[in-house]
Amino acid sequence: MTKTIEAIWQLLQQHQGETFHTAKGLPFTYTIRGGELFVNRRRKSITVSTVRRALEKITQLEAAGEVITGPKKIGCYGASYVYPVLLALDVLERPTLPGQEEFTDAAIVNEI
């Protein structure tokens, strides 16, 4: 991952209001107000600092050669929403498994 948090936050702002899906297939949208991301399925917001910590964790995992197979690998508040958005916006690469060209949504759900 080579993008800065500022670039990713700007990317998130450009795609607010679009429909994304959790790893379990639940649709959601988000809006951004100030430094907070509000998911329509939750009452609490995901702050820019939480997204920053998630990106730091992702960078650490990638540096260690670990495959990020789902939101639980990120382990932060709101990961079930942050993970699919980062996947859809090509900030994260869709994980691959040996013998599998790429993870399908079903494979991601089974991994969770």
N, C-alpha and C. Protein backbone atom coordinates (compact mmCIF):
# COMPACT_ATOMS: atom_id res chain seq x y z
N MET A 1 0.86 -1.17 0.00
CA MET A 1 0.00 0.00 0.00
C MET A 1 0.90 1.23 0.00
N THR A 2 0.72 2.08 -0.99
CA THR A 2 1.61 3.22 -1.12
C THR A 2 0.91 4.55 -0.90
N LYS A 3 -0.40 4.55 -0.75
CA LYS A 3 -1.14 5.80 -0.60
C LYS A 3 -1.08 6.29 0.84
N THR A 4 -1.10 7.60 1.02
CA THR A 4 -1.11 8.20 2.35
C THR A 4 -2.53 8.20 2.90
N ILE A 5 -2.66 8.39 4.20
CA ILE A 5 -3.98 8.46 4.82
C ILE A 5 -4.78 9.61 4.21
N GLU A 6 -4.11 10.70 3.90
CA GLU A 6 -4.82 11.84 3.31
C GLU A 6 -5.40 11.48 1.95
N ALA A 7 -4.60 10.78 1.13
CA ALA A 7 -5.07 10.36 -0.19
C ALA A 7 -6.22 9.36 -0.07
N ILE A 8 -6.11 8.46 0.88
CA ILE A 8 -7.17 7.45 1.07
C ILE A 8 -8.43 8.12 1.61
N TRP A 9 -8.29 9.06 2.54
CA TRP A 9 -9.45 9.76 3.08
C TRP A 9 -10.15 10.54 1.96
N GLN A 10 -9.38 11.16 1.08
CA GLN A 10 -9.96 11.87 -0.06
C GLN A 10 -10.69 10.89 -0.98
N LEU A 11 -10.11 9.73 -1.21
CA LEU A 11 -10.74 8.69 -2.01
C LEU A 11 -12.06 8.24 -1.37
N LEU A 12 -12.03 8.08 -0.05
CA LEU A 12 -13.25 7.71 0.68
C LEU A 12 -14.32 8.79 0.51
N GLN A 13 -13.92 10.06 0.55
CA GLN A 13 -14.87 11.16 0.36
C GLN A 13 -15.50 11.11 -1.03
N GLN A 14 -14.73 10.77 -2.02
CA GLN A 14 -15.23 10.73 -3.39
C GLN A 14 -16.27 9.62 -3.59
N HIS A 15 -16.24 8.59 -2.78
CA HIS A 15 -17.12 7.43 -2.98
C HIS A 15 -18.22 7.30 -1.93
N GLN A 16 -18.36 8.33 -1.08
CA GLN A 16 -19.43 8.26 -0.08
C GLN A 16 -20.79 8.25 -0.79
N GLY A 17 -21.72 7.54 -0.21
CA GLY A 17 -23.05 7.42 -0.80
C GLY A 17 -23.19 6.21 -1.72
N GLU A 18 -22.07 5.63 -2.15
CA GLU A 18 -22.12 4.43 -2.98
C GLU A 18 -22.43 3.22 -2.09
N THR A 19 -22.98 2.19 -2.68
CA THR A 19 -23.31 0.98 -1.93
C THR A 19 -22.14 0.02 -1.97
N PHE A 20 -21.74 -0.44 -0.79
CA PHE A 20 -20.71 -1.45 -0.63
C PHE A 20 -21.35 -2.63 0.08
N HIS A 21 -20.64 -3.73 0.19
CA HIS A 21 -21.16 -4.92 0.87
C HIS A 21 -20.13 -5.46 1.85
N THR A 22 -20.60 -5.81 3.03
CA THR A 22 -19.72 -6.43 4.01
C THR A 22 -19.31 -7.80 3.48
N ALA A 23 -18.37 -8.44 4.15
CA ALA A 23 -17.92 -9.77 3.74
C ALA A 23 -19.07 -10.77 3.80
N LYS A 24 -20.05 -10.50 4.63
CA LYS A 24 -21.21 -11.39 4.72
C LYS A 24 -22.31 -11.00 3.74
N GLY A 25 -22.05 -10.00 2.90
CA GLY A 25 -22.99 -9.62 1.86
C GLY A 25 -24.03 -8.59 2.24
N LEU A 26 -23.90 -7.97 3.41
CA LEU A 26 -24.87 -6.95 3.83
C LEU A 26 -24.54 -5.61 3.16
N PRO A 27 -25.52 -5.00 2.50
CA PRO A 27 -25.25 -3.71 1.84
C PRO A 27 -25.15 -2.58 2.86
N PHE A 28 -24.30 -1.61 2.56
CA PHE A 28 -24.20 -0.42 3.40
C PHE A 28 -23.68 0.75 2.57
N THR A 29 -23.95 1.94 3.06
CA THR A 29 -23.40 3.16 2.49
C THR A 29 -22.76 3.94 3.63
N TYR A 30 -22.00 4.94 3.30
CA TYR A 30 -21.41 5.79 4.33
C TYR A 30 -21.39 7.24 3.86
N THR A 31 -21.34 8.13 4.81
CA THR A 31 -21.12 9.55 4.53
C THR A 31 -19.97 10.00 5.42
N ILE A 32 -19.33 11.07 5.01
CA ILE A 32 -18.22 11.62 5.80
C ILE A 32 -18.58 13.03 6.20
N ARG A 33 -18.43 13.28 7.49
CA ARG A 33 -18.61 14.64 8.02
C ARG A 33 -17.40 14.93 8.89
N GLY A 34 -16.64 15.92 8.47
CA GLY A 34 -15.42 16.24 9.19
C GLY A 34 -14.45 15.08 9.15
N GLY A 35 -13.98 14.66 10.30
CA GLY A 35 -13.04 13.55 10.38
C GLY A 35 -13.70 12.25 10.77
N GLU A 36 -14.99 12.11 10.44
CA GLU A 36 -15.71 10.90 10.82
C GLU A 36 -16.46 10.30 9.63
N LEU A 37 -16.46 8.97 9.58
CA LEU A 37 -17.15 8.21 8.56
C LEU A 37 -18.37 7.57 9.23
N PHE A 38 -19.56 7.89 8.75
CA PHE A 38 -20.80 7.38 9.33
C PHE A 38 -21.39 6.32 8.41
N VAL A 39 -21.47 5.09 8.91
CA VAL A 39 -22.05 3.97 8.16
C VAL A 39 -23.53 3.92 8.49
N ASN A 40 -24.36 3.72 7.47
CA ASN A 40 -25.81 3.73 7.70
C ASN A 40 -26.30 2.56 8.55
N ARG A 41 -25.48 1.56 8.79
CA ARG A 41 -25.89 0.40 9.59
C ARG A 41 -25.46 0.53 11.06
N ARG A 42 -24.76 1.59 11.42
CA ARG A 42 -24.25 1.77 12.78
C ARG A 42 -24.60 3.14 13.32
N ARG A 43 -24.66 3.25 14.62
CA ARG A 43 -24.90 4.55 15.25
C ARG A 43 -23.61 5.32 15.48
N LYS A 44 -22.54 4.60 15.77
CA LYS A 44 -21.27 5.26 16.03
C LYS A 44 -20.49 5.47 14.75
N SER A 45 -19.63 6.47 14.76
CA SER A 45 -18.84 6.77 13.57
C SER A 45 -17.48 6.09 13.64
N ILE A 46 -16.85 6.01 12.49
CA ILE A 46 -15.48 5.51 12.38
C ILE A 46 -14.63 6.74 12.11
N THR A 47 -13.72 7.05 13.01
CA THR A 47 -12.94 8.28 12.89
C THR A 47 -11.77 8.10 11.92
N VAL A 48 -11.26 9.21 11.44
CA VAL A 48 -10.11 9.17 10.55
C VAL A 48 -8.92 8.54 11.26
N SER A 49 -8.80 8.73 12.57
CA SER A 49 -7.68 8.11 13.30
C SER A 49 -7.84 6.59 13.36
N THR A 50 -9.08 6.09 13.40
CA THR A 50 -9.31 4.64 13.36
C THR A 50 -8.92 4.09 11.99
N VAL A 51 -9.27 4.81 10.94
CA VAL A 51 -8.87 4.41 9.59
C VAL A 51 -7.35 4.43 9.48
N ARG A 52 -6.72 5.43 10.06
CA ARG A 52 -5.25 5.51 10.05
C ARG A 52 -4.63 4.29 10.73
N ARG A 53 -5.17 3.92 11.91
CA ARG A 53 -4.66 2.75 12.63
C ARG A 53 -4.87 1.47 11.81
N ALA A 54 -6.02 1.37 11.15
CA ALA A 54 -6.28 0.21 10.30
C ALA A 54 -5.26 0.14 9.17
N LEU A 55 -4.95 1.26 8.56
CA LEU A 55 -3.96 1.29 7.48
C LEU A 55 -2.57 0.95 7.98
N GLU A 56 -2.24 1.40 9.19
CA GLU A 56 -0.94 1.05 9.78
C GLU A 56 -0.86 -0.46 10.02
N LYS A 57 -1.94 -1.04 10.52
CA LYS A 57 -1.99 -2.49 10.77
C LYS A 57 -1.86 -3.25 9.44
N ILE A 58 -2.54 -2.79 8.41
CA ILE A 58 -2.47 -3.41 7.09
C ILE A 58 -1.04 -3.36 6.57
N THR A 59 -0.39 -2.21 6.72
CA THR A 59 1.00 -2.06 6.28
C THR A 59 1.92 -3.02 7.02
N GLN A 60 1.73 -3.17 8.34
CA GLN A 60 2.53 -4.10 9.14
C GLN A 60 2.31 -5.54 8.68
N LEU A 61 1.05 -5.90 8.46
CA LEU A 61 0.73 -7.27 8.02
C LEU A 61 1.34 -7.55 6.66
N GLU A 62 1.22 -6.61 5.74
CA GLU A 62 1.79 -6.79 4.40
C GLU A 62 3.31 -6.91 4.47
N ALA A 63 3.94 -6.10 5.32
CA ALA A 63 5.40 -6.15 5.46
C ALA A 63 5.85 -7.50 6.02
N ALA A 64 5.01 -8.10 6.85
CA ALA A 64 5.32 -9.41 7.43
C ALA A 64 4.96 -10.55 6.48
N GLY A 65 4.42 -10.20 5.32
CA GLY A 65 4.07 -11.20 4.33
C GLY A 65 2.75 -11.91 4.60
N GLU A 66 1.95 -11.36 5.51
CA GLU A 66 0.66 -11.98 5.83
C GLU A 66 -0.40 -11.57 4.82
N VAL A 67 -1.29 -12.49 4.50
CA VAL A 67 -2.39 -12.23 3.60
C VAL A 67 -3.56 -11.71 4.43
N ILE A 68 -4.12 -10.60 4.03
CA ILE A 68 -5.26 -10.02 4.74
C ILE A 68 -6.52 -10.62 4.14
N THR A 69 -7.05 -11.62 4.82
CA THR A 69 -8.15 -12.41 4.28
C THR A 69 -9.53 -11.91 4.68
N GLY A 70 -9.58 -10.95 5.57
CA GLY A 70 -10.89 -10.45 5.98
C GLY A 70 -10.75 -9.37 7.03
N PRO A 71 -11.87 -8.81 7.46
CA PRO A 71 -11.84 -7.70 8.41
C PRO A 71 -11.24 -8.07 9.77
N LYS A 72 -11.37 -9.32 10.18
CA LYS A 72 -10.81 -9.71 11.49
C LYS A 72 -9.30 -9.56 11.53
N LYS A 73 -8.64 -9.67 10.38
CA LYS A 73 -7.18 -9.50 10.34
C LYS A 73 -6.79 -8.07 10.70
N ILE A 74 -7.66 -7.11 10.35
CA ILE A 74 -7.36 -5.70 10.63
C ILE A 74 -7.55 -5.40 12.10
N GLY A 75 -8.59 -5.96 12.70
CA GLY A 75 -8.79 -5.87 14.14
C GLY A 75 -8.99 -4.48 14.70
N CYS A 76 -9.79 -3.65 14.03
CA CYS A 76 -10.09 -2.33 14.58
C CYS A 76 -11.59 -2.11 14.57
N TYR A 77 -12.04 -1.12 15.29
CA TYR A 77 -13.45 -0.78 15.28
C TYR A 77 -13.88 -0.45 13.84
N GLY A 78 -14.98 -1.02 13.40
CA GLY A 78 -15.50 -0.74 12.07
C GLY A 78 -14.81 -1.49 10.95
N ALA A 79 -13.97 -2.46 11.28
CA ALA A 79 -13.22 -3.19 10.25
C ALA A 79 -14.15 -3.88 9.26
N SER A 80 -15.32 -4.31 9.71
CA SER A 80 -16.24 -4.98 8.79
C SER A 80 -16.76 -4.04 7.71
N TYR A 81 -16.59 -2.74 7.90
CA TYR A 81 -16.96 -1.75 6.89
C TYR A 81 -15.73 -1.19 6.19
N VAL A 82 -14.67 -0.97 6.94
CA VAL A 82 -13.44 -0.42 6.35
C VAL A 82 -12.84 -1.40 5.35
N TYR A 83 -12.78 -2.68 5.70
CA TYR A 83 -12.18 -3.70 4.83
C TYR A 83 -12.82 -3.77 3.45
N PRO A 84 -14.16 -3.93 3.34
CA PRO A 84 -14.73 -4.04 2.00
C PRO A 84 -14.61 -2.76 1.18
N VAL A 85 -14.64 -1.61 1.84
CA VAL A 85 -14.47 -0.35 1.11
C VAL A 85 -13.06 -0.26 0.56
N LEU A 86 -12.06 -0.59 1.36
CA LEU A 86 -10.67 -0.55 0.90
C LEU A 86 -10.44 -1.55 -0.23
N LEU A 87 -11.10 -2.70 -0.16
CA LEU A 87 -11.01 -3.68 -1.25
C LEU A 87 -11.63 -3.12 -2.53
N ALA A 88 -12.84 -2.58 -2.41
CA ALA A 88 -13.56 -2.08 -3.58
C ALA A 88 -12.85 -0.90 -4.23
N LEU A 89 -12.17 -0.09 -3.43
CA LEU A 89 -11.47 1.09 -3.96
C LEU A 89 -10.03 0.77 -4.34
N ASP A 90 -9.68 -0.51 -4.35
CA ASP A 90 -8.35 -0.99 -4.74
C ASP A 90 -7.21 -0.45 -3.88
N VAL A 91 -7.52 -0.13 -2.62
CA VAL A 91 -6.47 0.24 -1.67
C VAL A 91 -5.84 -1.05 -1.17
N LEU A 92 -6.66 -2.08 -0.98
CA LEU A 92 -6.20 -3.42 -0.62
C LEU A 92 -6.32 -4.32 -1.83
N GLU A 93 -5.40 -5.25 -1.93
CA GLU A 93 -5.50 -6.24 -2.99
C GLU A 93 -6.40 -7.37 -2.52
N ARG A 94 -7.22 -7.88 -3.42
CA ARG A 94 -8.06 -9.03 -3.10
C ARG A 94 -7.12 -10.21 -2.84
N PRO A 95 -7.25 -10.85 -1.69
CA PRO A 95 -6.32 -11.92 -1.34
C PRO A 95 -6.48 -13.16 -2.23
N THR A 96 -5.39 -13.87 -2.40
CA THR A 96 -5.41 -15.12 -3.16
C THR A 96 -4.96 -16.25 -2.26
N LEU A 97 -5.47 -17.42 -2.53
CA LEU A 97 -5.08 -18.61 -1.81
C LEU A 97 -4.43 -19.57 -2.79
N PRO A 98 -3.56 -20.44 -2.33
CA PRO A 98 -2.98 -21.43 -3.22
C PRO A 98 -4.08 -22.25 -3.90
N GLY A 99 -3.99 -22.38 -5.22
CA GLY A 99 -4.98 -23.14 -5.98
C GLY A 99 -6.24 -22.37 -6.29
N GLN A 100 -6.28 -21.11 -5.90
CA GLN A 100 -7.46 -20.29 -6.15
C GLN A 100 -6.98 -19.00 -6.80
N GLU A 101 -7.59 -18.64 -7.93
CA GLU A 101 -7.15 -17.44 -8.64
C GLU A 101 -7.32 -16.20 -7.76
N GLU A 102 -8.46 -16.06 -7.15
CA GLU A 102 -8.68 -15.00 -6.17
C GLU A 102 -9.80 -15.42 -5.25
N PHE A 103 -9.85 -14.76 -4.09
CA PHE A 103 -10.92 -15.04 -3.15
C PHE A 103 -12.26 -14.64 -3.75
N THR A 104 -13.21 -15.48 -3.65
CA THR A 104 -14.58 -15.10 -3.97
C THR A 104 -15.20 -14.57 -2.70
N ASP A 105 -16.35 -13.92 -2.81
CA ASP A 105 -17.01 -13.43 -1.61
C ASP A 105 -17.32 -14.59 -0.67
N ALA A 106 -17.71 -15.75 -1.22
CA ALA A 106 -18.01 -16.91 -0.39
C ALA A 106 -16.77 -17.38 0.36
N ALA A 107 -15.60 -17.33 -0.29
CA ALA A 107 -14.38 -17.74 0.38
C ALA A 107 -14.04 -16.78 1.51
N ILE A 108 -14.28 -15.49 1.31
CA ILE A 108 -14.02 -14.51 2.35
C ILE A 108 -14.95 -14.77 3.52
N VAL A 109 -16.24 -15.00 3.26
CA VAL A 109 -17.19 -15.28 4.33
C VAL A 109 -16.79 -16.53 5.10
N ASN A 110 -16.36 -17.57 4.39
CA ASN A 110 -15.95 -18.80 5.07
C ASN A 110 -14.71 -18.61 5.92
N GLU A 111 -13.88 -17.65 5.56
CA GLU A 111 -12.64 -17.39 6.29
C GLU A 111 -12.94 -16.64 7.60
N ILE A 112 -14.05 -15.95 7.66
CA ILE A 112 -14.37 -15.10 8.83
C ILE A 112 -14.80 -15.94 10.01
